[in-house]
Amino acid sequence: MNNRRRMTGVVKSNKMAKTVVVEITRTYRHPIYKKVVKARKRVKAHDELGCNVGDKVRIVESRPLSREKRWVVEAILERETRNVEVEA
């Protein structure tokens, strides 16, 4: 195994070609106020697997692929199963 960073997140957008926006959420306790704080970060990741919105994915850091893409989708951990109703 190599020593690249790996993170898990949820796909928020897949409207670009071979690119998805992944939101990484982490919780931590504030050092002074001791309140649990939820922080989130959105990164763009290269997608060859065909992710959909709501999928839980694991991303791995890579060389810069474009101006904003530095991550690649490594695996889809959990597919989003939504019931989509079609309006006539």
C-alpha atoms as a PDB file:
ATOM      1  CA  MET A   1       0.000   0.000   0.000  1.00  0.00           C
ATOM      2  CA  ASN A   2       1.264   3.468  -0.800  1.00  0.00           C
ATOM      3  CA  ASN A   3       1.213   6.429   1.569  1.00  0.00           C
ATOM      4  CA  ARG A   4      -1.308   8.607  -0.275  1.00  0.00           C
ATOM      5  CA  ARG A   5      -4.078  10.224   1.743  1.00  0.00           C
ATOM      6  CA  ARG A   6      -7.477   8.577   1.476  1.00  0.00           C
ATOM      7  CA  MET A   7     -10.758  10.120   2.577  1.00  0.00           C
ATOM      8  CA  THR A   8     -14.411   9.164   2.405  1.00  0.00           C
ATOM      9  CA  GLY A   9     -17.183  11.535   1.427  1.00  0.00           C
ATOM     10  CA  VAL A  10     -20.516  11.915  -0.316  1.00  0.00           C
ATOM     11  CA  VAL A  11     -20.926  12.918  -3.968  1.00  0.00           C
ATOM     12  CA  LYS A  12     -22.803  16.232  -4.166  1.00  0.00           C
ATOM     13  CA  SER A  13     -22.587  16.942  -7.910  1.00  0.00           C
ATOM     14  CA  ASN A  14     -21.770  14.979 -11.051  1.00  0.00           C
ATOM     15  CA  LYS A  15     -22.686  17.525 -13.717  1.00  0.00           C
ATOM     16  CA  MET A  16     -19.154  17.841 -15.122  1.00  0.00           C
ATOM     17  CA  ALA A  17     -17.518  15.416 -17.524  1.00  0.00           C
ATOM     18  CA  LYS A  18     -15.524  12.793 -15.555  1.00  0.00           C
ATOM     19  CA  THR A  19     -15.517  15.029 -12.464  1.00  0.00           C
ATOM     20  CA  VAL A  20     -17.528  14.844  -9.257  1.00  0.00           C
ATOM     21  CA  VAL A  21     -17.761  17.177  -6.271  1.00  0.00           C
ATOM     22  CA  VAL A  22     -17.220  15.232  -3.042  1.00  0.00           C
ATOM     23  CA  GLU A  23     -18.146  16.666   0.353  1.00  0.00           C
ATOM     24  CA  ILE A  24     -15.970  15.478   3.232  1.00  0.00           C
ATOM     25  CA  THR A  25     -17.511  15.963   6.685  1.00  0.00           C
ATOM     26  CA  ARG A  26     -15.563  15.727   9.929  1.00  0.00           C
ATOM     27  CA  THR A  27     -16.575  16.356  13.524  1.00  0.00           C
ATOM     28  CA  TYR A  28     -14.258  17.515  16.287  1.00  0.00           C
ATOM     29  CA  ARG A  29     -14.518  19.003  19.750  1.00  0.00           C
ATOM     30  CA  HIS A  30     -13.708  22.699  20.015  1.00  0.00           C
ATOM     31  CA  PRO A  31     -10.546  23.114  22.131  1.00  0.00           C
ATOM     32  CA  ILE A  32     -11.871  25.980  24.298  1.00  0.00           C
ATOM     33  CA  TYR A  33     -15.675  25.695  24.294  1.00  0.00           C
ATOM     34  CA  LYS A  34     -15.792  21.871  24.223  1.00  0.00           C
ATOM     35  CA  LYS A  35     -18.698  21.926  21.792  1.00  0.00           C
ATOM     36  CA  VAL A  36     -18.827  19.376  18.973  1.00  0.00           C
ATOM     37  CA  VAL A  37     -18.272  21.216  15.703  1.00  0.00           C
ATOM     38  CA  LYS A  38     -19.076  19.843  12.269  1.00  0.00           C
ATOM     39  CA  ALA A  39     -16.738  20.994   9.497  1.00  0.00           C
ATOM     40  CA  ARG A  40     -17.170  20.180   5.826  1.00  0.00           C
ATOM     41  CA  LYS A  41     -14.968  20.558   2.797  1.00  0.00           C
ATOM     42  CA  ARG A  42     -15.798  20.158  -0.875  1.00  0.00           C
ATOM     43  CA  VAL A  43     -13.192  18.874  -3.323  1.00  0.00           C
ATOM     44  CA  LYS A  44     -13.315  17.983  -6.998  1.00  0.00           C
ATOM     45  CA  ALA A  45     -12.317  14.428  -7.870  1.00  0.00           C
ATOM     46  CA  HIS A  46     -11.685  12.598 -11.139  1.00  0.00           C
ATOM     47  CA  ASP A  47     -14.359   9.950 -11.750  1.00  0.00           C
ATOM     48  CA  GLU A  48     -13.919   6.990 -14.086  1.00  0.00           C
ATOM     49  CA  LEU A  49     -16.411   4.780 -12.198  1.00  0.00           C
ATOM     50  CA  GLY A  50     -19.613   6.702 -12.940  1.00  0.00           C
ATOM     51  CA  CYS A  51     -20.696   8.015  -9.537  1.00  0.00           C
ATOM     52  CA  ASN A  52     -24.142   9.425  -8.910  1.00  0.00           C
ATOM     53  CA  VAL A  53     -25.284  12.109  -6.475  1.00  0.00           C
ATOM     54  CA  GLY A  54     -25.552  10.694  -2.954  1.00  0.00           C
ATOM     55  CA  ASP A  55     -23.012   7.890  -3.395  1.00  0.00           C
ATOM     56  CA  LYS A  56     -20.521   7.361  -0.580  1.00  0.00           C
ATOM     57  CA  VAL A  57     -17.040   7.178  -2.143  1.00  0.00           C
ATOM     58  CA  ARG A  58     -13.403   6.822  -1.131  1.00  0.00           C
ATOM     59  CA  ILE A  59     -11.057   9.299  -2.806  1.00  0.00           C
ATOM     60  CA  VAL A  60      -7.276   9.209  -2.969  1.00  0.00           C
ATOM     61  CA  GLU A  61      -4.910  12.115  -3.574  1.00  0.00           C
ATOM     62  CA  SER A  62      -3.046  12.233  -6.889  1.00  0.00           C
ATOM     63  CA  ARG A  63      -0.971  14.528  -9.012  1.00  0.00           C
ATOM     64  CA  PRO A  64      -2.725  17.689 -10.233  1.00  0.00           C
ATOM     65  CA  LEU A  65      -5.073  16.683 -13.058  1.00  0.00           C
ATOM     66  CA  SER A  66      -6.423  20.181 -13.723  1.00  0.00           C
ATOM     67  CA  ARG A  67      -6.530  23.542 -11.986  1.00  0.00           C
ATOM     68  CA  GLU A  68      -8.750  22.288  -9.162  1.00  0.00           C
ATOM     69  CA  LYS A  69      -8.626  18.472  -9.364  1.00  0.00           C
ATOM     70  CA  ARG A  70      -6.122  16.757  -7.063  1.00  0.00           C
ATOM     71  CA  TRP A  71      -8.191  13.702  -6.060  1.00  0.00           C
ATOM     72  CA  VAL A  72      -9.351  10.523  -7.828  1.00  0.00           C
ATOM     73  CA  VAL A  73     -12.365   8.370  -6.916  1.00  0.00           C
ATOM     74  CA  GLU A  74     -10.885   5.058  -5.816  1.00  0.00           C
ATOM     75  CA  ALA A  75     -14.019   3.098  -4.908  1.00  0.00           C
ATOM     76  CA  ILE A  76     -17.764   3.477  -4.495  1.00  0.00           C
ATOM     77  CA  LEU A  77     -18.488   2.301  -0.961  1.00  0.00           C
ATOM     78  CA  GLU A  78     -22.262   2.703  -0.945  1.00  0.00           C
ATOM     79  CA  ARG A  79     -24.700   3.465  -3.758  1.00  0.00           C
ATOM     80  CA  GLU A  80     -27.541   5.921  -3.218  1.00  0.00           C
ATOM     81  CA  THR A  81     -30.898   4.208  -3.660  1.00  0.00           C
ATOM     82  CA  ARG A  82     -33.494   6.879  -4.259  1.00  0.00           C
ATOM     83  CA  ASN A  83     -36.965   6.300  -5.603  1.00  0.00           C
ATOM     84  CA  VAL A  84     -37.262   8.770  -8.467  1.00  0.00           C
ATOM     85  CA  GLU A  85     -40.830   9.484  -9.519  1.00  0.00           C
ATOM     86  CA  VAL A  86     -41.340  10.435 -13.140  1.00  0.00           C
ATOM     87  CA  GLU A  87     -43.906  13.154 -13.753  1.00  0.00           C
ATOM     88  CA  ALA A  88     -45.879  12.911 -16.949  1.00  0.00           C
END
